[in-house]
Amino acid sequence: MSAESASHGSLSHLPLTHLDEHGAAHMVDVSEKDDTLREATARGRISMAPETLNLIESGTAAKGSVLGVAQLAGIMAAKQTGTLIPLCHPLPLTGVDVSFAVDRASASVEIEATARTVGKTGVEMEAMVAVSVAALTIYDMCKAVDRAMIIGGVRLVHKSGGKSGEFVRGKE
């Protein structure tokens, strides 16, 4: 994928695959596609007060290990993507990894999720759902002390496998 299309350049010529010729929503038929190894990585961030980040890092949040629970929530959410997003195919995931990087300078946590499968369609949505739910879990566990937290920047950073090949987001 070119840098232009990755940055929302000239995408108007591409069809929306979840709409039929009459504009009605439909689930894409992937019956004829080959099974291939597919992997996608997404990232997002939750920003907070420095004191909230200290609670998370110290493990002294009232509800327990915030990042441990958020990691589990992200993995579980990836497995439920087909039931959450109406036109997503339910996929047999072969792996999901969720990790966190604490950024003290910006009082935030960067969340990264990678989903894998061997199948007929990609796992971009599973990776992005994992990031989103992990961030929401952090918010839920810390909202008693910081309701001003901000979740944002959920994006696909890499995908491989399938007919469309590899996508790598440019410099962030």
N, C-alpha and C. Protein backbone atom coordinates (compact mmCIF):
# COMPACT_ATOMS: atom_id res chain seq x y z
N MET A 1 0.85 -1.17 0.00
CA MET A 1 0.00 0.00 0.00
C MET A 1 0.90 1.23 0.00
N SER A 2 0.55 2.18 -0.82
CA SER A 2 1.36 3.37 -0.93
C SER A 2 1.21 4.25 0.31
N ALA A 3 2.17 5.12 0.50
CA ALA A 3 2.08 6.06 1.63
C ALA A 3 0.88 6.97 1.46
N GLU A 4 0.54 7.29 0.18
CA GLU A 4 -0.61 8.17 -0.06
C GLU A 4 -1.90 7.53 0.42
N SER A 5 -2.12 6.26 0.07
CA SER A 5 -3.37 5.62 0.49
C SER A 5 -3.37 5.33 1.98
N ALA A 6 -2.21 5.09 2.54
CA ALA A 6 -2.15 4.85 3.98
C ALA A 6 -2.49 6.11 4.76
N SER A 7 -2.29 7.27 4.15
CA SER A 7 -2.60 8.51 4.85
C SER A 7 -3.91 9.12 4.36
N HIS A 8 -4.80 8.30 3.87
CA HIS A 8 -6.14 8.70 3.43
C HIS A 8 -6.12 9.52 2.16
N GLY A 9 -5.12 9.36 1.32
CA GLY A 9 -5.03 10.10 0.07
C GLY A 9 -6.15 9.75 -0.87
N SER A 10 -5.85 9.11 -1.97
CA SER A 10 -6.84 8.85 -3.02
C SER A 10 -7.49 7.48 -2.84
N LEU A 11 -8.39 7.38 -1.88
CA LEU A 11 -9.09 6.12 -1.62
C LEU A 11 -10.49 6.10 -2.22
N SER A 12 -10.94 7.20 -2.81
CA SER A 12 -12.32 7.29 -3.27
C SER A 12 -12.64 6.29 -4.37
N HIS A 13 -11.65 5.76 -5.06
CA HIS A 13 -11.90 4.80 -6.14
C HIS A 13 -12.07 3.36 -5.65
N LEU A 14 -11.81 3.12 -4.38
CA LEU A 14 -11.90 1.76 -3.84
C LEU A 14 -13.32 1.46 -3.39
N PRO A 15 -13.84 0.27 -3.74
CA PRO A 15 -15.20 -0.08 -3.31
C PRO A 15 -15.24 -0.45 -1.82
N LEU A 16 -16.38 -0.20 -1.19
CA LEU A 16 -16.59 -0.64 0.18
C LEU A 16 -17.12 -2.07 0.10
N THR A 17 -16.33 -3.02 0.57
CA THR A 17 -16.67 -4.43 0.37
C THR A 17 -17.86 -4.91 1.18
N HIS A 18 -18.25 -4.17 2.19
CA HIS A 18 -19.39 -4.58 3.02
C HIS A 18 -20.72 -4.01 2.53
N LEU A 19 -20.70 -3.39 1.35
CA LEU A 19 -21.93 -2.88 0.74
C LEU A 19 -22.13 -3.56 -0.60
N ASP A 20 -23.35 -4.00 -0.88
CA ASP A 20 -23.62 -4.60 -2.18
C ASP A 20 -23.87 -3.51 -3.22
N GLU A 21 -24.21 -3.91 -4.46
CA GLU A 21 -24.40 -2.93 -5.54
C GLU A 21 -25.54 -1.96 -5.30
N HIS A 22 -26.42 -2.27 -4.35
CA HIS A 22 -27.54 -1.39 -4.01
C HIS A 22 -27.28 -0.58 -2.74
N GLY A 23 -26.11 -0.72 -2.17
CA GLY A 23 -25.76 0.01 -0.96
C GLY A 23 -26.19 -0.65 0.33
N ALA A 24 -26.71 -1.88 0.24
CA ALA A 24 -27.13 -2.61 1.44
C ALA A 24 -25.93 -3.32 2.07
N ALA A 25 -25.93 -3.37 3.38
CA ALA A 25 -24.84 -4.06 4.10
C ALA A 25 -24.94 -5.56 3.88
N HIS A 26 -23.78 -6.20 3.73
CA HIS A 26 -23.73 -7.66 3.63
C HIS A 26 -22.38 -8.15 4.12
N MET A 27 -22.36 -9.39 4.55
CA MET A 27 -21.12 -10.02 4.99
C MET A 27 -20.38 -10.52 3.74
N VAL A 28 -19.12 -10.17 3.61
CA VAL A 28 -18.34 -10.55 2.45
C VAL A 28 -18.20 -12.08 2.42
N ASP A 29 -18.41 -12.66 1.25
CA ASP A 29 -18.27 -14.11 1.08
C ASP A 29 -16.80 -14.42 0.82
N VAL A 30 -16.17 -15.13 1.75
CA VAL A 30 -14.75 -15.47 1.62
C VAL A 30 -14.54 -16.94 1.27
N SER A 31 -15.60 -17.62 0.83
CA SER A 31 -15.54 -19.06 0.55
C SER A 31 -14.42 -19.44 -0.40
N GLU A 32 -14.18 -18.64 -1.41
CA GLU A 32 -13.21 -18.98 -2.45
C GLU A 32 -11.78 -18.58 -2.09
N LYS A 33 -11.59 -17.87 -1.00
CA LYS A 33 -10.25 -17.44 -0.62
C LYS A 33 -9.45 -18.61 -0.05
N ASP A 34 -8.14 -18.54 -0.21
CA ASP A 34 -7.25 -19.56 0.36
C ASP A 34 -6.99 -19.26 1.83
N ASP A 35 -6.80 -20.32 2.61
CA ASP A 35 -6.35 -20.15 3.98
C ASP A 35 -4.88 -19.76 3.97
N THR A 36 -4.55 -18.67 4.62
CA THR A 36 -3.16 -18.25 4.75
C THR A 36 -2.93 -17.76 6.18
N LEU A 37 -1.67 -17.70 6.57
CA LEU A 37 -1.31 -17.14 7.86
C LEU A 37 -1.55 -15.64 7.79
N ARG A 38 -2.31 -15.11 8.73
CA ARG A 38 -2.64 -13.69 8.76
C ARG A 38 -2.32 -13.14 10.14
N GLU A 39 -1.75 -11.95 10.16
CA GLU A 39 -1.36 -11.33 11.42
C GLU A 39 -1.62 -9.83 11.32
N ALA A 40 -2.07 -9.24 12.41
CA ALA A 40 -2.28 -7.79 12.46
C ALA A 40 -1.87 -7.27 13.82
N THR A 41 -1.29 -6.08 13.82
CA THR A 41 -0.90 -5.40 15.05
C THR A 41 -1.53 -4.02 15.07
N ALA A 42 -2.12 -3.69 16.21
CA ALA A 42 -2.75 -2.38 16.40
C ALA A 42 -2.17 -1.75 17.66
N ARG A 43 -2.30 -0.43 17.73
CA ARG A 43 -1.86 0.30 18.92
C ARG A 43 -2.89 1.37 19.27
N GLY A 44 -2.85 1.76 20.52
CA GLY A 44 -3.67 2.86 21.02
C GLY A 44 -3.06 3.36 22.31
N ARG A 45 -3.65 4.42 22.87
CA ARG A 45 -3.06 5.04 24.06
C ARG A 45 -4.15 5.50 25.00
N ILE A 46 -3.86 5.41 26.29
CA ILE A 46 -4.73 6.02 27.30
C ILE A 46 -3.87 6.97 28.12
N SER A 47 -4.30 8.22 28.17
CA SER A 47 -3.58 9.26 28.91
C SER A 47 -4.32 9.53 30.21
N MET A 48 -3.58 9.92 31.22
CA MET A 48 -4.16 10.06 32.57
C MET A 48 -3.33 11.03 33.40
N ALA A 49 -3.81 11.30 34.60
CA ALA A 49 -3.04 12.10 35.55
C ALA A 49 -1.81 11.31 35.99
N PRO A 50 -0.69 11.98 36.24
CA PRO A 50 0.51 11.27 36.69
C PRO A 50 0.26 10.41 37.93
N GLU A 51 -0.60 10.87 38.84
CA GLU A 51 -0.90 10.10 40.06
C GLU A 51 -1.59 8.77 39.72
N THR A 52 -2.44 8.81 38.69
CA THR A 52 -3.13 7.59 38.26
C THR A 52 -2.12 6.60 37.69
N LEU A 53 -1.20 7.10 36.89
CA LEU A 53 -0.16 6.24 36.33
C LEU A 53 0.69 5.63 37.46
N ASN A 54 0.96 6.41 38.50
CA ASN A 54 1.71 5.87 39.65
C ASN A 54 0.96 4.72 40.32
N LEU A 55 -0.36 4.87 40.46
CA LEU A 55 -1.17 3.77 41.04
C LEU A 55 -1.07 2.51 40.18
N ILE A 56 -1.16 2.68 38.87
CA ILE A 56 -1.08 1.53 37.96
C ILE A 56 0.28 0.85 38.09
N GLU A 57 1.33 1.65 38.03
CA GLU A 57 2.68 1.09 38.09
C GLU A 57 3.00 0.42 39.43
N SER A 58 2.48 0.98 40.49
CA SER A 58 2.79 0.43 41.82
C SER A 58 1.93 -0.79 42.16
N GLY A 59 0.88 -1.00 41.38
CA GLY A 59 -0.02 -2.12 41.66
C GLY A 59 -0.92 -1.88 42.86
N THR A 60 -1.09 -0.61 43.23
CA THR A 60 -1.89 -0.31 44.43
C THR A 60 -3.29 0.23 44.10
N ALA A 61 -3.72 0.08 42.85
CA ALA A 61 -5.09 0.50 42.51
C ALA A 61 -6.07 -0.37 43.30
N ALA A 62 -7.17 0.23 43.69
CA ALA A 62 -8.15 -0.45 44.55
C ALA A 62 -8.66 -1.77 43.96
N LYS A 63 -8.73 -1.85 42.64
CA LYS A 63 -9.29 -3.05 42.00
C LYS A 63 -8.22 -4.09 41.64
N GLY A 64 -6.95 -3.84 42.00
CA GLY A 64 -5.91 -4.84 41.76
C GLY A 64 -5.00 -4.49 40.60
N SER A 65 -4.42 -5.51 39.99
CA SER A 65 -3.45 -5.34 38.91
C SER A 65 -4.13 -4.83 37.64
N VAL A 66 -4.05 -3.54 37.42
CA VAL A 66 -4.76 -2.92 36.30
C VAL A 66 -4.29 -3.48 34.97
N LEU A 67 -2.99 -3.52 34.75
CA LEU A 67 -2.50 -3.99 33.45
C LEU A 67 -2.71 -5.49 33.26
N GLY A 68 -2.66 -6.25 34.32
CA GLY A 68 -2.93 -7.69 34.22
C GLY A 68 -4.36 -7.97 33.80
N VAL A 69 -5.29 -7.24 34.41
CA VAL A 69 -6.71 -7.42 34.06
C VAL A 69 -6.96 -6.89 32.65
N ALA A 70 -6.34 -5.74 32.29
CA ALA A 70 -6.53 -5.17 30.96
C ALA A 70 -5.97 -6.09 29.87
N GLN A 71 -4.86 -6.75 30.17
CA GLN A 71 -4.29 -7.70 29.20
C GLN A 71 -5.26 -8.85 28.94
N LEU A 72 -5.79 -9.41 30.00
CA LEU A 72 -6.76 -10.50 29.86
C LEU A 72 -8.02 -10.02 29.13
N ALA A 73 -8.50 -8.83 29.45
CA ALA A 73 -9.70 -8.28 28.79
C ALA A 73 -9.46 -8.11 27.29
N GLY A 74 -8.28 -7.62 26.91
CA GLY A 74 -7.96 -7.45 25.50
C GLY A 74 -7.95 -8.77 24.74
N ILE A 75 -7.36 -9.79 25.35
CA ILE A 75 -7.33 -11.12 24.72
C ILE A 75 -8.74 -11.67 24.57
N MET A 76 -9.52 -11.57 25.63
CA MET A 76 -10.90 -12.08 25.58
C MET A 76 -11.73 -11.32 24.54
N ALA A 77 -11.53 -10.01 24.44
CA ALA A 77 -12.28 -9.21 23.48
C ALA A 77 -11.94 -9.59 22.05
N ALA A 78 -10.66 -9.82 21.77
CA ALA A 78 -10.27 -10.22 20.42
C ALA A 78 -11.03 -11.47 19.99
N LYS A 79 -11.21 -12.39 20.93
CA LYS A 79 -11.93 -13.64 20.63
C LYS A 79 -13.41 -13.42 20.39
N GLN A 80 -13.94 -12.28 20.81
CA GLN A 80 -15.37 -11.98 20.66
C GLN A 80 -15.67 -10.99 19.52
N THR A 81 -14.68 -10.62 18.75
CA THR A 81 -14.86 -9.58 17.73
C THR A 81 -16.01 -9.88 16.78
N GLY A 82 -16.14 -11.10 16.33
CA GLY A 82 -17.21 -11.48 15.40
C GLY A 82 -18.60 -11.28 15.97
N THR A 83 -18.73 -11.26 17.29
CA THR A 83 -20.05 -11.02 17.89
C THR A 83 -20.26 -9.54 18.20
N LEU A 84 -19.19 -8.74 18.19
CA LEU A 84 -19.29 -7.32 18.51
C LEU A 84 -19.45 -6.44 17.27
N ILE A 85 -18.78 -6.78 16.20
CA ILE A 85 -18.80 -5.99 14.97
C ILE A 85 -19.69 -6.73 13.97
N PRO A 86 -20.80 -6.15 13.59
CA PRO A 86 -21.84 -6.88 12.86
C PRO A 86 -21.40 -7.66 11.62
N LEU A 87 -20.49 -7.14 10.80
CA LEU A 87 -20.16 -7.83 9.56
C LEU A 87 -18.81 -8.54 9.59
N CYS A 88 -18.20 -8.65 10.78
CA CYS A 88 -16.95 -9.39 10.93
C CYS A 88 -17.23 -10.89 10.93
N HIS A 89 -16.32 -11.62 10.31
CA HIS A 89 -16.41 -13.08 10.36
C HIS A 89 -15.89 -13.56 11.71
N PRO A 90 -16.55 -14.53 12.32
CA PRO A 90 -15.97 -15.14 13.53
C PRO A 90 -14.74 -15.94 13.12
N LEU A 91 -13.63 -15.70 13.79
CA LEU A 91 -12.37 -16.33 13.37
C LEU A 91 -11.80 -17.22 14.46
N PRO A 92 -11.20 -18.33 14.05
CA PRO A 92 -10.47 -19.15 15.02
C PRO A 92 -9.06 -18.57 15.21
N LEU A 93 -8.90 -17.76 16.22
CA LEU A 93 -7.60 -17.12 16.45
C LEU A 93 -6.59 -18.16 16.92
N THR A 94 -5.37 -18.04 16.39
CA THR A 94 -4.31 -18.95 16.81
C THR A 94 -3.40 -18.30 17.84
N GLY A 95 -3.55 -16.97 18.00
CA GLY A 95 -2.76 -16.28 19.02
C GLY A 95 -3.19 -14.84 19.15
N VAL A 96 -3.11 -14.33 20.36
CA VAL A 96 -3.36 -12.91 20.64
C VAL A 96 -2.37 -12.49 21.72
N ASP A 97 -1.64 -11.43 21.46
CA ASP A 97 -0.71 -10.87 22.44
C ASP A 97 -1.12 -9.43 22.71
N VAL A 98 -1.16 -9.06 23.97
CA VAL A 98 -1.45 -7.68 24.37
C VAL A 98 -0.34 -7.23 25.30
N SER A 99 0.27 -6.10 24.99
CA SER A 99 1.36 -5.58 25.83
C SER A 99 1.19 -4.09 26.06
N PHE A 100 1.93 -3.59 27.04
CA PHE A 100 1.80 -2.20 27.47
C PHE A 100 3.18 -1.57 27.61
N ALA A 101 3.26 -0.29 27.26
CA ALA A 101 4.47 0.49 27.47
C ALA A 101 4.07 1.75 28.22
N VAL A 102 4.60 1.91 29.41
CA VAL A 102 4.29 3.08 30.23
C VAL A 102 5.18 4.24 29.78
N ASP A 103 4.57 5.38 29.56
CA ASP A 103 5.29 6.59 29.16
C ASP A 103 5.08 7.63 30.27
N ARG A 104 6.04 7.72 31.18
CA ARG A 104 5.91 8.63 32.31
C ARG A 104 5.91 10.09 31.87
N ALA A 105 6.66 10.40 30.82
CA ALA A 105 6.75 11.80 30.36
C ALA A 105 5.40 12.34 29.93
N SER A 106 4.57 11.49 29.33
CA SER A 106 3.24 11.95 28.89
C SER A 106 2.12 11.40 29.76
N ALA A 107 2.47 10.73 30.85
CA ALA A 107 1.49 10.12 31.76
C ALA A 107 0.46 9.31 30.98
N SER A 108 0.99 8.34 30.24
CA SER A 108 0.10 7.53 29.42
C SER A 108 0.61 6.09 29.32
N VAL A 109 -0.26 5.24 28.83
CA VAL A 109 0.09 3.84 28.57
C VAL A 109 -0.21 3.56 27.11
N GLU A 110 0.80 3.15 26.37
CA GLU A 110 0.63 2.72 24.99
C GLU A 110 0.27 1.24 25.03
N ILE A 111 -0.77 0.88 24.31
CA ILE A 111 -1.26 -0.51 24.28
C ILE A 111 -1.00 -1.05 22.88
N GLU A 112 -0.45 -2.26 22.82
CA GLU A 112 -0.23 -2.91 21.53
C GLU A 112 -0.83 -4.31 21.58
N ALA A 113 -1.54 -4.67 20.51
CA ALA A 113 -2.12 -6.00 20.41
C ALA A 113 -1.81 -6.58 19.04
N THR A 114 -1.46 -7.86 19.04
CA THR A 114 -1.23 -8.59 17.80
C THR A 114 -2.13 -9.82 17.82
N ALA A 115 -2.86 -10.00 16.72
CA ALA A 115 -3.74 -11.16 16.56
C ALA A 115 -3.26 -11.97 15.37
N ARG A 116 -3.39 -13.30 15.47
CA ARG A 116 -2.97 -14.21 14.41
C ARG A 116 -4.03 -15.26 14.16
N THR A 117 -4.11 -15.69 12.90
CA THR A 117 -4.97 -16.80 12.51
C THR A 117 -4.43 -17.42 11.24
N VAL A 118 -4.88 -18.62 10.95
CA VAL A 118 -4.70 -19.21 9.62
C VAL A 118 -6.12 -19.32 9.09
N GLY A 119 -6.41 -18.51 8.08
CA GLY A 119 -7.79 -18.48 7.60
C GLY A 119 -7.95 -17.73 6.32
N LYS A 120 -9.21 -17.40 6.01
CA LYS A 120 -9.58 -16.78 4.74
C LYS A 120 -9.72 -15.26 4.81
N THR A 121 -9.66 -14.71 6.00
CA THR A 121 -9.80 -13.26 6.15
C THR A 121 -8.91 -12.77 7.29
N GLY A 122 -8.60 -11.49 7.26
CA GLY A 122 -7.62 -10.93 8.18
C GLY A 122 -8.12 -10.68 9.59
N VAL A 123 -7.19 -10.28 10.43
CA VAL A 123 -7.45 -10.11 11.87
C VAL A 123 -7.21 -8.68 12.35
N GLU A 124 -7.38 -7.72 11.43
CA GLU A 124 -7.19 -6.33 11.81
C GLU A 124 -8.18 -5.90 12.88
N MET A 125 -9.43 -6.27 12.71
CA MET A 125 -10.46 -5.87 13.67
C MET A 125 -10.21 -6.49 15.04
N GLU A 126 -9.74 -7.73 15.06
CA GLU A 126 -9.46 -8.40 16.34
C GLU A 126 -8.36 -7.67 17.09
N ALA A 127 -7.32 -7.23 16.38
CA ALA A 127 -6.24 -6.48 17.03
C ALA A 127 -6.73 -5.14 17.56
N MET A 128 -7.55 -4.44 16.76
CA MET A 128 -8.05 -3.13 17.21
C MET A 128 -9.07 -3.25 18.34
N VAL A 129 -9.88 -4.28 18.33
CA VAL A 129 -10.82 -4.51 19.43
C VAL A 129 -10.05 -4.82 20.71
N ALA A 130 -8.99 -5.62 20.60
CA ALA A 130 -8.18 -5.95 21.78
C ALA A 130 -7.60 -4.68 22.40
N VAL A 131 -7.05 -3.79 21.58
CA VAL A 131 -6.49 -2.53 22.09
C VAL A 131 -7.59 -1.69 22.75
N SER A 132 -8.72 -1.58 22.07
CA SER A 132 -9.82 -0.73 22.58
C SER A 132 -10.34 -1.22 23.92
N VAL A 133 -10.56 -2.52 24.04
CA VAL A 133 -11.11 -3.06 25.28
C VAL A 133 -10.06 -3.04 26.40
N ALA A 134 -8.80 -3.24 26.07
CA ALA A 134 -7.76 -3.10 27.10
C ALA A 134 -7.75 -1.67 27.64
N ALA A 135 -7.86 -0.69 26.75
CA ALA A 135 -7.89 0.71 27.19
C ALA A 135 -9.13 1.00 28.03
N LEU A 136 -10.27 0.50 27.60
CA LEU A 136 -11.51 0.70 28.36
C LEU A 136 -11.43 0.04 29.74
N THR A 137 -10.74 -1.08 29.82
CA THR A 137 -10.58 -1.77 31.10
C THR A 137 -9.71 -0.94 32.05
N ILE A 138 -8.65 -0.37 31.51
CA ILE A 138 -7.82 0.52 32.34
C ILE A 138 -8.68 1.67 32.85
N TYR A 139 -9.47 2.26 31.96
CA TYR A 139 -10.35 3.35 32.38
C TYR A 139 -11.30 2.88 33.49
N ASP A 140 -11.94 1.75 33.27
CA ASP A 140 -12.90 1.24 34.25
C ASP A 140 -12.25 1.01 35.61
N MET A 141 -11.06 0.47 35.61
CA MET A 141 -10.41 0.14 36.87
C MET A 141 -9.89 1.38 37.61
N CYS A 142 -9.70 2.48 36.88
CA CYS A 142 -9.11 3.68 37.50
C CYS A 142 -10.06 4.86 37.55
N LYS A 143 -11.27 4.73 37.07
CA LYS A 143 -12.19 5.88 36.99
C LYS A 143 -12.54 6.46 38.36
N ALA A 144 -12.44 5.68 39.41
CA ALA A 144 -12.75 6.21 40.74
C ALA A 144 -11.78 7.32 41.14
N VAL A 145 -10.57 7.30 40.59
CA VAL A 145 -9.59 8.33 40.94
C VAL A 145 -9.31 9.30 39.81
N ASP A 146 -9.75 8.98 38.57
CA ASP A 146 -9.41 9.83 37.43
C ASP A 146 -10.42 9.64 36.30
N ARG A 147 -11.47 10.44 36.33
CA ARG A 147 -12.49 10.36 35.27
C ARG A 147 -12.09 11.15 34.02
N ALA A 148 -10.97 11.84 34.06
CA ALA A 148 -10.52 12.65 32.93
C ALA A 148 -9.58 11.91 31.98
N MET A 149 -9.39 10.61 32.19
CA MET A 149 -8.53 9.85 31.29
C MET A 149 -9.05 9.95 29.86
N ILE A 150 -8.12 9.88 28.90
CA ILE A 150 -8.47 9.99 27.48
C ILE A 150 -7.93 8.78 26.73
N ILE A 151 -8.81 8.12 26.00
CA ILE A 151 -8.44 6.99 25.15
C ILE A 151 -8.39 7.49 23.71
N GLY A 152 -7.36 7.14 22.99
CA GLY A 152 -7.29 7.59 21.60
C GLY A 152 -6.22 6.90 20.79
N GLY A 153 -6.18 7.30 19.54
CA GLY A 153 -5.13 6.85 18.64
C GLY A 153 -5.16 5.37 18.30
N VAL A 154 -6.32 4.73 18.38
CA VAL A 154 -6.38 3.30 18.02
C VAL A 154 -6.22 3.20 16.52
N ARG A 155 -5.20 2.44 16.11
CA ARG A 155 -4.88 2.34 14.69
C ARG A 155 -4.18 1.05 14.36
N LEU A 156 -4.34 0.62 13.11
CA LEU A 156 -3.62 -0.54 12.60
C LEU A 156 -2.21 -0.08 12.27
N VAL A 157 -1.20 -0.82 12.73
CA VAL A 157 0.18 -0.44 12.42
C VAL A 157 0.85 -1.45 11.50
N HIS A 158 0.32 -2.67 11.43
CA HIS A 158 0.89 -3.68 10.55
C HIS A 158 -0.12 -4.77 10.29
N LYS A 159 -0.13 -5.28 9.07
CA LYS A 159 -0.92 -6.46 8.76
C LYS A 159 -0.22 -7.22 7.66
N SER A 160 -0.29 -8.53 7.75
CA SER A 160 0.33 -9.37 6.72
C SER A 160 -0.57 -10.56 6.44
N GLY A 161 -0.35 -11.14 5.27
CA GLY A 161 -1.11 -12.31 4.84
C GLY A 161 -2.27 -11.93 3.96
N GLY A 162 -2.73 -12.92 3.21
CA GLY A 162 -3.87 -12.69 2.34
C GLY A 162 -3.49 -12.08 1.02
N LYS A 163 -4.50 -11.92 0.19
CA LYS A 163 -4.31 -11.43 -1.18
C LYS A 163 -3.80 -9.99 -1.24
N SER A 164 -4.24 -9.15 -0.29
CA SER A 164 -3.82 -7.74 -0.34
C SER A 164 -2.40 -7.52 0.16
N GLY A 165 -1.78 -8.55 0.72
CA GLY A 165 -0.38 -8.45 1.12
C GLY A 165 -0.16 -7.71 2.41
N GLU A 166 0.98 -7.04 2.49
CA GLU A 166 1.42 -6.41 3.73
C GLU A 166 1.06 -4.93 3.76
N PHE A 167 0.68 -4.47 4.94
CA PHE A 167 0.46 -3.05 5.20
C PHE A 167 1.36 -2.68 6.38
N VAL A 168 2.10 -1.61 6.23
CA VAL A 168 2.93 -1.08 7.32
C VAL A 168 2.64 0.41 7.40
N ARG A 169 2.14 0.85 8.56
CA ARG A 169 1.89 2.28 8.75
C ARG A 169 3.22 3.00 8.74
N GLY A 170 3.24 4.14 8.13
CA GLY A 170 4.46 4.96 8.08
C GLY A 170 4.86 5.42 9.46
N LYS A 171 5.91 6.22 9.49
CA LYS A 171 6.43 6.74 10.77
C LYS A 171 5.34 7.36 11.60
N GLU A 172 5.37 7.09 12.88
CA GLU A 172 4.37 7.64 13.81
C GLU A 172 4.96 8.74 14.62
